[in-house]
Amino acid sequence: PMGSERMEMRKRQMSTTQETPGAAPAQHSAGNRGSNACCFCWCCCCSCSCLTVRNQDEERTRTSHELQAESIPNCEESPAPTLEEVNAWAQSFDKLMLTPAGRNAFREFLRTEFSEENMLFWMACEELKQESNKSVIEEKARLIYEDYISILSPKEVSLDSRVREVINRNMLEPSQHTFDDAQLQIYTLMHRDSYPRFMNSAIYKDLLRSLSEKSIEA
């Protein structure tokens, strides 16, 4: 009896398959759609559409940041430093930051410590101070805020809450001096934290040795 029932069930299944020949292609088509759907949902519905829109927005944002990054020079234009200048860098941080060659060498060192944003922020503030056009000042202040002050930025610099409050007030009406307190705090941070390590770094020692050898040969 059990065998008869199984045979009957198989006949019914075969009969059903023959009556609906389009069933298999439909399943195959559905499988193809499933493979193209994103991994977060089981169908190509609104979830995938939302993800597509979000990915396009992220791509546009990333492109904007890349364009801004490309506008930042790898280094300031400056003649090669002399032996006297490099020796002077060891005398004080102020003398190091006074010349483009000193800032370039220090910036190269900061890049190895993943803290180049400190120098970039300081340089952006210096550039802002040279502006006199109100609309240009407002635009540059906005970019500085987005790039270095916003907690959402990967280049955010380390500032205390008091300085951040000052900046937020100043941003209501930006000026050349909107970031003065923040710039001073970052300058002090580089002086106390990074400058001593720079003086003991291979970057500084190799440059000093190279210039010393050239001086002896001359």
Protein backbone atom coordinates (compact mmCIF):
# COMPACT_ATOMS: atom_id res chain seq x y z
CA PRO A 1 0.00 0.00 0.00
CA MET A 2 2.81 2.41 0.85
CA GLY A 3 4.44 1.72 -2.53
CA SER A 4 1.18 2.43 -4.32
CA GLU A 5 0.80 5.75 -2.56
CA ARG A 6 4.34 6.77 -3.51
CA MET A 7 3.76 5.85 -7.14
CA GLU A 8 0.55 7.85 -7.14
CA MET A 9 2.33 10.90 -5.68
CA ARG A 10 5.05 10.71 -8.33
CA LYS A 11 2.45 10.53 -11.10
CA ARG A 12 0.74 13.61 -9.70
CA GLN A 13 4.06 15.51 -9.54
CA MET A 14 4.92 14.56 -13.13
CA SER A 15 1.46 15.54 -14.28
CA THR A 16 1.75 18.93 -12.54
CA THR A 17 5.16 19.59 -14.12
CA GLN A 18 3.88 18.78 -17.62
CA GLU A 19 0.84 21.02 -17.19
CA THR A 20 3.03 24.02 -16.19
CA PRO A 21 6.06 23.96 -18.55
CA GLY A 22 6.91 27.61 -17.83
CA ALA A 23 7.45 26.99 -14.15
CA ALA A 24 11.12 26.01 -14.41
CA PRO A 25 12.17 28.99 -16.59
CA ALA A 26 10.32 31.32 -14.24
CA GLN A 27 12.24 29.95 -11.28
CA HIS A 28 15.48 30.26 -13.20
CA SER A 29 14.68 33.85 -14.05
CA ALA A 30 13.89 34.57 -10.43
CA GLY A 31 17.20 33.02 -9.49
CA ASN A 32 19.00 35.36 -11.85
CA ARG A 33 17.26 38.33 -10.36
CA GLY A 34 18.22 37.15 -6.91
CA SER A 35 21.88 36.93 -7.87
CA ASN A 36 21.81 40.53 -9.08
CA ALA A 37 20.04 41.80 -6.02
CA CYS A 38 22.13 43.32 -3.26
CA CYS A 39 23.19 41.20 -0.32
CA PHE A 40 20.96 43.12 2.11
CA CYS A 41 17.62 42.02 0.64
CA TRP A 42 16.02 39.12 -1.17
CA CYS A 43 14.51 41.05 -4.07
CA CYS A 44 15.16 44.01 -6.36
CA CYS A 45 12.75 46.26 -4.52
CA CYS A 46 12.97 49.61 -2.77
CA SER A 47 15.81 48.49 -0.49
CA CYS A 48 18.14 48.07 -3.45
CA SER A 49 16.96 51.34 -4.96
CA CYS A 50 17.70 53.17 -1.73
CA LEU A 51 21.14 51.63 -1.57
CA THR A 52 21.81 52.64 -5.17
CA VAL A 53 20.87 56.25 -4.47
CA ARG A 54 22.94 56.27 -1.29
CA ASN A 55 25.95 54.82 -3.12
CA GLN A 56 25.64 57.50 -5.82
CA ASP A 57 25.56 60.23 -3.13
CA GLU A 58 28.61 58.73 -1.43
CA GLU A 59 30.43 58.61 -4.78
CA ARG A 60 29.70 62.29 -5.42
CA THR A 61 30.88 63.19 -1.90
CA ARG A 62 34.04 61.14 -2.33
CA THR A 63 34.76 62.79 -5.67
CA SER A 64 34.35 66.23 -4.07
CA HIS A 65 36.83 65.37 -1.34
CA GLU A 66 39.27 63.98 -3.90
CA LEU A 67 39.10 67.21 -5.91
CA GLN A 68 39.77 69.22 -2.77
CA ALA A 69 42.70 66.96 -1.90
CA GLU A 70 44.15 67.41 -5.38
CA SER A 71 44.08 71.19 -4.92
CA ILE A 72 46.39 70.87 -1.90
CA PRO A 73 50.02 71.03 -3.06
CA ASN A 74 52.33 68.23 -1.97
CA CYS A 75 54.68 70.88 -0.66
CA GLU A 76 55.19 74.61 -0.69
CA GLU A 77 57.40 76.05 -3.37
CA SER A 78 60.74 76.89 -1.83
CA PRO A 79 64.45 76.71 -2.60
CA ALA A 80 66.41 73.87 -1.08
CA PRO A 81 67.34 74.63 2.54
CA THR A 82 70.88 75.59 3.43
CA LEU A 83 72.94 73.98 6.17
CA GLU A 84 72.53 77.13 8.27
CA GLU A 85 68.76 76.98 7.96
CA VAL A 86 68.57 73.31 8.91
CA ASN A 87 70.80 73.93 11.94
CA ALA A 88 68.52 76.83 12.91
CA TRP A 89 65.51 74.49 12.95
CA ALA A 90 67.03 72.78 15.97
CA GLN A 91 67.16 76.08 17.86
CA SER A 92 63.40 76.62 18.00
CA PHE A 93 60.12 75.50 16.55
CA ASP A 94 59.40 79.08 15.48
CA LYS A 95 62.48 79.07 13.23
CA LEU A 96 61.40 75.75 11.72
CA MET A 97 57.93 77.09 10.90
CA LEU A 98 59.27 80.40 9.61
CA THR A 99 60.50 79.04 6.26
CA PRO A 100 58.67 77.02 3.58
CA ALA A 101 61.56 74.52 3.47
CA GLY A 102 61.22 73.95 7.21
CA ARG A 103 57.45 73.49 6.97
CA ASN A 104 57.89 71.06 4.06
CA ALA A 105 60.35 68.90 5.98
CA PHE A 106 58.18 68.95 9.10
CA ARG A 107 55.07 68.17 7.07
CA GLU A 108 56.83 65.16 5.52
CA PHE A 109 57.54 63.92 9.04
CA LEU A 110 53.95 64.50 10.18
CA ARG A 111 52.76 62.43 7.23
CA THR A 112 54.71 59.44 8.60
CA GLU A 113 52.88 59.88 11.92
CA PHE A 114 49.47 60.27 10.24
CA SER A 115 49.04 63.77 11.65
CA GLU A 116 49.63 65.87 8.53
CA GLU A 117 46.20 67.45 9.02
CA ASN A 118 47.70 69.62 11.79
CA MET A 119 50.05 71.33 9.35
CA LEU A 120 47.39 71.52 6.64
CA PHE A 121 44.99 73.19 9.06
CA TRP A 122 47.64 75.68 10.20
CA MET A 123 48.50 76.53 6.59
CA ALA A 124 44.80 76.94 5.68
CA CYS A 125 44.38 79.38 8.56
CA GLU A 126 47.40 81.38 7.39
CA GLU A 127 45.91 81.53 3.91
CA LEU A 128 42.57 82.68 5.30
CA LYS A 129 44.26 85.59 7.07
CA GLN A 130 45.47 86.92 3.72
CA GLU A 131 41.95 87.24 2.30
CA SER A 132 39.97 90.47 2.24
CA ASN A 133 36.96 89.57 0.07
CA LYS A 134 33.99 88.78 2.31
CA SER A 135 32.50 86.06 0.11
CA VAL A 136 35.88 84.37 -0.33
CA ILE A 137 36.45 84.50 3.43
CA GLU A 138 33.08 82.87 4.10
CA GLU A 139 33.70 80.10 1.55
CA LYS A 140 37.21 79.34 2.80
CA ALA A 141 36.03 79.37 6.42
CA ARG A 142 33.30 76.90 5.53
CA LEU A 143 35.78 74.58 3.82
CA ILE A 144 38.20 74.78 6.76
CA TYR A 145 35.36 73.94 9.14
CA GLU A 146 34.22 70.97 7.05
CA ASP A 147 37.75 69.65 6.51
CA TYR A 148 39.33 70.10 9.93
CA ILE A 149 36.74 70.99 12.59
CA SER A 150 33.73 68.80 11.78
CA ILE A 151 33.64 65.57 13.76
CA LEU A 152 32.55 63.83 10.55
CA SER A 153 35.79 64.67 8.75
CA PRO A 154 38.62 62.12 8.56
CA LYS A 155 41.03 65.09 8.82
CA GLU A 156 39.54 66.46 12.06
CA VAL A 157 42.16 68.12 14.28
CA SER A 158 42.22 67.71 18.04
CA LEU A 159 40.67 70.73 19.79
CA ASP A 160 39.19 71.18 23.26
CA SER A 161 35.53 72.02 23.83
CA ARG A 162 36.21 75.68 24.68
CA VAL A 163 37.91 76.35 21.36
CA ARG A 164 35.17 74.51 19.48
CA GLU A 165 32.55 76.72 21.12
CA VAL A 166 34.49 79.82 20.06
CA ILE A 167 34.65 78.55 16.48
CA ASN A 168 30.93 77.79 16.39
CA ARG A 169 30.18 81.35 17.52
CA ASN A 170 32.63 82.82 15.03
CA MET A 171 31.12 80.82 12.16
CA LEU A 172 27.90 82.85 12.51
CA GLU A 173 29.86 85.66 10.86
CA PRO A 174 33.19 84.29 9.55
CA SER A 175 36.26 86.51 9.34
CA GLN A 176 39.99 86.12 8.74
CA HIS A 177 40.40 85.39 12.45
CA THR A 178 37.62 82.83 12.92
CA PHE A 179 40.11 80.06 13.71
CA ASP A 180 42.83 82.02 15.54
CA ASP A 181 42.34 80.21 18.87
CA ALA A 182 42.24 76.84 17.15
CA GLN A 183 45.32 77.63 15.07
CA LEU A 184 47.26 78.58 18.19
CA GLN A 185 46.20 75.38 19.95
CA ILE A 186 47.33 73.21 17.01
CA TYR A 187 50.59 75.17 16.74
CA THR A 188 51.25 74.50 20.42
CA LEU A 189 50.36 70.83 19.98
CA MET A 190 52.84 70.42 17.12
CA HIS A 191 55.50 72.28 19.11
CA ARG A 192 55.18 70.18 22.25
CA ASP A 193 54.28 66.82 20.77
CA SER A 194 55.68 66.41 17.24
CA TYR A 195 58.62 68.81 17.07
CA PRO A 196 60.87 66.93 19.57
CA ARG A 197 60.33 63.68 17.65
CA PHE A 198 61.04 65.42 14.35
CA MET A 199 64.42 66.59 15.63
CA ASN A 200 65.31 62.95 16.40
CA SER A 201 63.83 61.57 13.19
CA ALA A 202 65.68 60.06 10.24
CA ILE A 203 64.13 62.73 7.99
CA TYR A 204 65.87 65.55 9.84
CA LYS A 205 69.13 63.70 10.54
CA ASP A 206 69.50 62.52 6.93
CA LEU A 207 68.91 66.04 5.61
CA LEU A 208 71.42 67.50 8.07
CA ARG A 209 74.04 64.87 7.21
CA SER A 210 73.54 65.36 3.46
CA LEU A 211 73.99 69.12 3.68
CA SER A 212 76.99 68.73 5.99
CA GLU A 213 78.71 66.40 3.51
CA LYS A 214 78.05 68.80 0.65
CA SER A 215 79.47 71.64 2.71
CA ILE A 216 82.66 69.69 3.40
CA GLU A 217 83.05 68.76 -0.27
CA ALA A 218 82.63 72.38 -1.28
